[in-house]
Amino acid sequence: MRRLQEVGPVWHALIWIGIYIVAVSVGDAVGDAVGFPGMTSIVLLVLSVVLLLYLRAGDRVAFYGIRRVRPGTGRLTLFFLPLFAVAFVQYGEGFADGLDVRDVFFAVLLVLGVGFVEELVFRGFLLQALRMEGSATRAILISGVTFGVGHVVNLLRGATPVEQIVQIVMAILIGIALAYCAVLTGSILPGVAFHVLFNLSGALTADSVLGDTISAVIIGVVMIPYILFLRGRLAEAGPAVPVLSARGT
């Protein structure tokens, strides 16, 4: 994997994305088989530790955005405030029926794992790999669309086609915005924080097509001008293409 990381970074990213999908599928299947719905959260937390150790061993933690934002770019993260607010819109649908402390505990563990791993593989591995092979804008769009379309696997988790379409549209917009922010700030950590809060609201609230559609509209209203703003900032900044050396960045 280390050699592939250097000579075939896109394939390296796709393999890790595949590992993530398999880990979620196995966690869901085993959890259903043994009657332990928290299994996927445990699997993803283990995967998170494995990824951190893997990056630390290669001295590439900061290269993939697990770092503070670059000096002078911190204020860009303030534009996530409307998006963070959107993460709480779903609570307007009310909490899901039958929630108990155990459910909430494993929901928190699950969104922590999902938020970290997805940001790392999509806004870390894939985005950086694409940036090394082309323009930043192209990398941002491809990684964002890939992230959104990747949510089609939720059909296997019981999502209806309508729910799936709404999720994909939201995920593409969010994925593009998060990618712009990662390129401009050099950090995926603000994205991880948003991802966790957004997914947690979805995990704890009641499910309804109308509510999800309203949330999607609100997200679109917030995200489209935000993406255009970030696009303008990127054109002004003109970030350098990242270089992955044999060790470190």
Protein backbone atom coordinates (compact mmCIF):
# COMPACT_ATOMS: atom_id res chain seq x y z
CA MET A 1 0.00 0.00 0.00
CA ARG A 2 2.86 2.38 0.76
CA ARG A 3 4.32 2.01 -2.73
CA LEU A 4 0.88 2.45 -4.30
CA GLN A 5 0.44 5.59 -2.25
CA GLU A 6 3.37 7.09 -4.15
CA VAL A 7 2.97 5.72 -7.69
CA GLY A 8 -0.82 5.30 -7.88
CA PRO A 9 -2.38 7.67 -5.33
CA VAL A 10 -5.86 7.55 -6.91
CA TRP A 11 -5.90 3.74 -6.74
CA HIS A 12 -4.59 4.00 -3.19
CA ALA A 13 -7.55 6.23 -2.33
CA LEU A 14 -10.07 3.99 -4.09
CA ILE A 15 -8.79 0.93 -2.26
CA TRP A 16 -9.24 2.66 1.10
CA ILE A 17 -12.72 3.76 0.07
CA GLY A 18 -13.46 0.13 -0.79
CA ILE A 19 -12.09 -0.99 2.58
CA TYR A 20 -14.38 1.50 4.28
CA ILE A 21 -17.45 0.27 2.37
CA VAL A 22 -16.60 -3.35 3.17
CA ALA A 23 -16.03 -2.48 6.85
CA VAL A 24 -19.48 -0.86 7.09
CA SER A 25 -21.13 -3.79 5.27
CA VAL A 26 -19.43 -6.36 7.48
CA GLY A 27 -20.24 -4.40 10.62
CA ASP A 28 -23.91 -4.16 9.63
CA ALA A 29 -24.12 -7.84 8.70
CA VAL A 30 -22.40 -9.10 11.83
CA GLY A 31 -24.38 -6.71 14.01
CA ASP A 32 -27.66 -7.99 12.55
CA ALA A 33 -26.55 -11.61 12.92
CA VAL A 34 -25.62 -11.32 16.59
CA GLY A 35 -28.27 -8.76 17.55
CA PHE A 36 -25.75 -6.02 18.34
CA PRO A 37 -26.54 -2.84 16.33
CA GLY A 38 -23.47 -1.08 17.69
CA MET A 39 -21.10 -3.42 15.85
CA THR A 40 -20.55 -1.06 12.89
CA SER A 41 -19.54 1.77 15.20
CA ILE A 42 -16.92 -0.47 16.85
CA VAL A 43 -15.61 -1.59 13.46
CA LEU A 44 -15.25 2.01 12.25
CA LEU A 45 -13.50 3.16 15.39
CA VAL A 46 -11.00 0.32 14.96
CA LEU A 47 -10.57 1.32 11.30
CA SER A 48 -9.96 4.93 12.40
CA VAL A 49 -7.16 3.81 14.71
CA VAL A 50 -5.66 1.65 11.94
CA LEU A 51 -5.71 4.61 9.54
CA LEU A 52 -4.04 6.92 12.05
CA LEU A 53 -1.30 4.38 12.75
CA TYR A 54 -0.85 3.82 9.02
CA LEU A 55 -0.42 7.53 8.35
CA ARG A 56 1.79 8.08 11.36
CA ALA A 57 4.08 5.25 10.26
CA GLY A 58 4.46 6.96 6.88
CA ASP A 59 4.78 10.44 8.41
CA ARG A 60 1.82 11.69 6.35
CA VAL A 61 -0.72 12.70 8.96
CA ALA A 62 -0.50 16.43 8.18
CA PHE A 63 -0.28 15.87 4.41
CA TYR A 64 -3.79 14.42 4.41
CA GLY A 65 -5.22 17.27 6.44
CA ILE A 66 -5.16 15.98 10.01
CA ARG A 67 -3.76 19.28 11.24
CA ARG A 68 -4.72 22.78 12.27
CA VAL A 69 -5.85 25.11 9.50
CA ARG A 70 -3.06 27.00 7.76
CA PRO A 71 -2.18 30.42 9.22
CA GLY A 72 -4.42 33.12 7.79
CA THR A 73 -7.18 30.74 6.69
CA GLY A 74 -8.94 30.25 10.01
CA ARG A 75 -11.65 32.78 9.25
CA LEU A 76 -12.73 30.73 6.23
CA THR A 77 -14.04 28.12 8.62
CA LEU A 78 -16.48 30.72 9.97
CA PHE A 79 -18.44 30.26 6.78
CA PHE A 80 -19.29 26.79 8.07
CA LEU A 81 -21.48 28.39 10.73
CA PRO A 82 -24.59 28.45 8.49
CA LEU A 83 -23.86 24.87 7.53
CA PHE A 84 -23.43 23.85 11.17
CA ALA A 85 -26.80 25.47 11.82
CA VAL A 86 -28.29 23.39 9.01
CA ALA A 87 -27.05 20.29 10.83
CA PHE A 88 -29.59 21.06 13.54
CA VAL A 89 -32.52 21.67 11.18
CA GLN A 90 -33.38 17.97 11.21
CA TYR A 91 -34.15 18.16 14.92
CA GLY A 92 -37.28 20.06 13.88
CA GLU A 93 -38.67 16.67 12.80
CA GLY A 94 -38.49 15.47 16.40
CA PHE A 95 -36.49 12.63 17.88
CA ALA A 96 -36.90 9.09 16.63
CA ASP A 97 -39.22 6.86 18.63
CA GLY A 98 -37.79 4.44 21.18
CA LEU A 99 -34.39 6.09 21.69
CA ASP A 100 -32.57 5.15 24.87
CA VAL A 101 -29.14 5.90 26.33
CA ARG A 102 -27.61 2.87 24.62
CA ASP A 103 -28.94 3.94 21.23
CA VAL A 104 -27.58 7.45 21.64
CA PHE A 105 -24.20 6.16 22.82
CA PHE A 106 -23.70 3.92 19.78
CA ALA A 107 -25.10 6.59 17.45
CA VAL A 108 -22.41 8.98 18.71
CA LEU A 109 -19.70 6.33 18.24
CA LEU A 110 -20.97 5.58 14.74
CA VAL A 111 -21.00 9.20 13.54
CA LEU A 112 -17.54 9.77 15.01
CA GLY A 113 -16.20 6.84 13.00
CA VAL A 114 -18.08 7.73 9.82
CA GLY A 115 -17.19 11.42 10.04
CA PHE A 116 -13.48 10.82 10.50
CA VAL A 117 -13.06 7.97 8.01
CA GLU A 118 -15.15 9.56 5.24
CA GLU A 119 -13.37 12.91 5.54
CA LEU A 120 -9.99 11.19 5.49
CA VAL A 121 -10.63 8.92 2.50
CA PHE A 122 -12.59 11.46 0.41
CA ARG A 123 -11.12 14.86 1.42
CA GLY A 124 -7.75 13.39 2.38
CA PHE A 125 -6.70 10.44 0.21
CA LEU A 126 -8.88 11.00 -2.88
CA LEU A 127 -8.77 14.79 -3.00
CA GLN A 128 -5.00 14.96 -2.57
CA ALA A 129 -4.46 12.19 -5.13
CA LEU A 130 -6.57 14.02 -7.71
CA ARG A 131 -4.80 17.30 -6.99
CA MET A 132 -1.47 15.67 -7.77
CA GLU A 133 -2.83 14.61 -11.16
CA GLY A 134 -4.71 17.75 -12.22
CA SER A 135 -6.17 21.10 -11.21
CA ALA A 136 -7.55 21.75 -7.75
CA THR A 137 -11.00 22.63 -9.13
CA ARG A 138 -11.20 19.37 -11.07
CA ALA A 139 -10.10 17.44 -7.99
CA ILE A 140 -12.70 19.18 -5.84
CA LEU A 141 -15.56 18.45 -8.24
CA ILE A 142 -14.62 14.81 -8.82
CA SER A 143 -14.11 14.09 -5.13
CA GLY A 144 -17.39 15.82 -4.26
CA VAL A 145 -19.42 13.95 -6.87
CA THR A 146 -17.73 10.66 -5.93
CA PHE A 147 -18.61 11.27 -2.30
CA GLY A 148 -22.24 11.97 -3.18
CA VAL A 149 -22.71 9.07 -5.56
CA GLY A 150 -21.01 6.79 -3.05
CA HIS A 151 -24.05 7.22 -0.83
CA VAL A 152 -25.95 4.93 -3.19
CA VAL A 153 -24.75 2.09 -0.96
CA ASN A 154 -27.34 3.28 1.56
CA LEU A 155 -29.91 1.48 -0.57
CA LEU A 156 -28.46 -1.67 0.96
CA ARG A 157 -29.21 -0.22 4.41
CA GLY A 158 -32.92 0.19 3.75
CA ALA A 159 -33.13 3.67 2.20
CA THR A 160 -35.93 4.23 -0.32
CA PRO A 161 -35.11 5.51 -3.85
CA VAL A 162 -36.54 8.95 -3.01
CA GLU A 163 -34.51 9.15 0.20
CA GLN A 164 -31.47 8.03 -1.76
CA ILE A 165 -31.84 10.79 -4.37
CA VAL A 166 -32.19 13.42 -1.65
CA GLN A 167 -29.12 12.06 0.16
CA ILE A 168 -27.01 12.02 -3.01
CA VAL A 169 -27.89 15.61 -3.92
CA MET A 170 -27.12 16.83 -0.40
CA ALA A 171 -23.92 14.81 -0.23
CA ILE A 172 -22.61 16.16 -3.55
CA LEU A 173 -23.14 19.77 -2.47
CA ILE A 174 -21.66 19.17 0.96
CA GLY A 175 -18.78 17.14 -0.50
CA ILE A 176 -17.82 19.92 -2.92
CA ALA A 177 -17.95 22.57 -0.20
CA LEU A 178 -15.91 20.48 2.22
CA ALA A 179 -13.33 19.81 -0.49
CA TYR A 180 -12.98 23.53 -1.24
CA CYS A 181 -12.50 24.21 2.45
CA ALA A 182 -9.91 21.43 2.78
CA VAL A 183 -7.90 22.81 -0.15
CA LEU A 184 -8.04 26.39 1.13
CA THR A 185 -7.31 25.66 4.79
CA GLY A 186 -5.14 22.55 4.47
CA SER A 187 -7.21 20.80 7.13
CA ILE A 188 -10.01 18.23 7.10
CA LEU A 189 -10.78 18.72 10.79
CA PRO A 190 -13.52 21.38 10.38
CA GLY A 191 -15.15 19.01 7.91
CA VAL A 192 -14.93 16.15 10.39
CA ALA A 193 -16.65 18.28 13.05
CA PHE A 194 -19.47 19.24 10.68
CA HIS A 195 -19.82 15.68 9.39
CA VAL A 196 -20.23 14.31 12.90
CA LEU A 197 -22.87 16.87 13.90
CA PHE A 198 -24.81 16.52 10.65
CA ASN A 199 -24.88 12.71 10.75
CA LEU A 200 -25.80 12.70 14.44
CA SER A 201 -28.88 14.82 13.78
CA GLY A 202 -29.92 12.35 11.08
CA ALA A 203 -29.31 9.38 13.36
CA LEU A 204 -31.37 10.70 16.27
CA THR A 205 -34.32 12.32 14.51
CA ALA A 206 -37.52 10.93 13.04
CA ASP A 207 -37.37 9.92 9.40
CA SER A 208 -39.71 11.55 6.90
CA VAL A 209 -39.50 12.24 3.18
CA LEU A 210 -40.98 15.73 3.65
CA GLY A 211 -38.53 16.62 6.41
CA ASP A 212 -35.57 15.33 4.42
CA THR A 213 -36.70 17.28 1.36
CA ILE A 214 -37.02 20.50 3.36
CA SER A 215 -33.54 19.92 4.79
CA ALA A 216 -32.18 19.35 1.28
CA VAL A 217 -33.70 22.64 0.06
CA ILE A 218 -32.22 24.55 2.99
CA ILE A 219 -28.83 22.96 2.41
CA GLY A 220 -28.98 23.90 -1.26
CA VAL A 221 -29.83 27.52 -0.41
CA VAL A 222 -26.87 27.68 1.96
CA MET A 223 -24.35 25.62 0.02
CA ILE A 224 -24.62 26.96 -3.52
CA PRO A 225 -23.60 30.56 -2.71
CA TYR A 226 -21.04 29.23 -0.24
CA ILE A 227 -19.48 27.04 -2.95
CA LEU A 228 -19.36 30.00 -5.34
CA PHE A 229 -17.67 32.09 -2.64
CA LEU A 230 -15.06 29.39 -2.01
CA ARG A 231 -14.51 29.01 -5.75
CA GLY A 232 -13.66 32.71 -5.94
CA ARG A 233 -11.29 32.45 -2.99
CA LEU A 234 -9.55 29.48 -4.58
CA ALA A 235 -9.10 31.42 -7.83
CA GLU A 236 -7.45 34.23 -5.84
CA ALA A 237 -5.25 31.97 -3.73
CA GLY A 238 -4.08 29.57 -6.44
CA PRO A 239 -2.89 26.82 -4.04
CA ALA A 240 0.16 24.86 -5.05
CA VAL A 241 -0.18 21.24 -6.10
CA PRO A 242 0.77 18.97 -3.18
CA VAL A 243 3.85 16.82 -3.51
CA LEU A 244 4.07 13.42 -1.85
CA SER A 245 7.66 12.55 -1.11
CA ALA A 246 9.09 9.20 -0.08
CA ARG A 247 8.65 10.24 3.54
CA GLY A 248 6.55 13.08 4.83
CA THR A 249 5.16 15.95 2.76
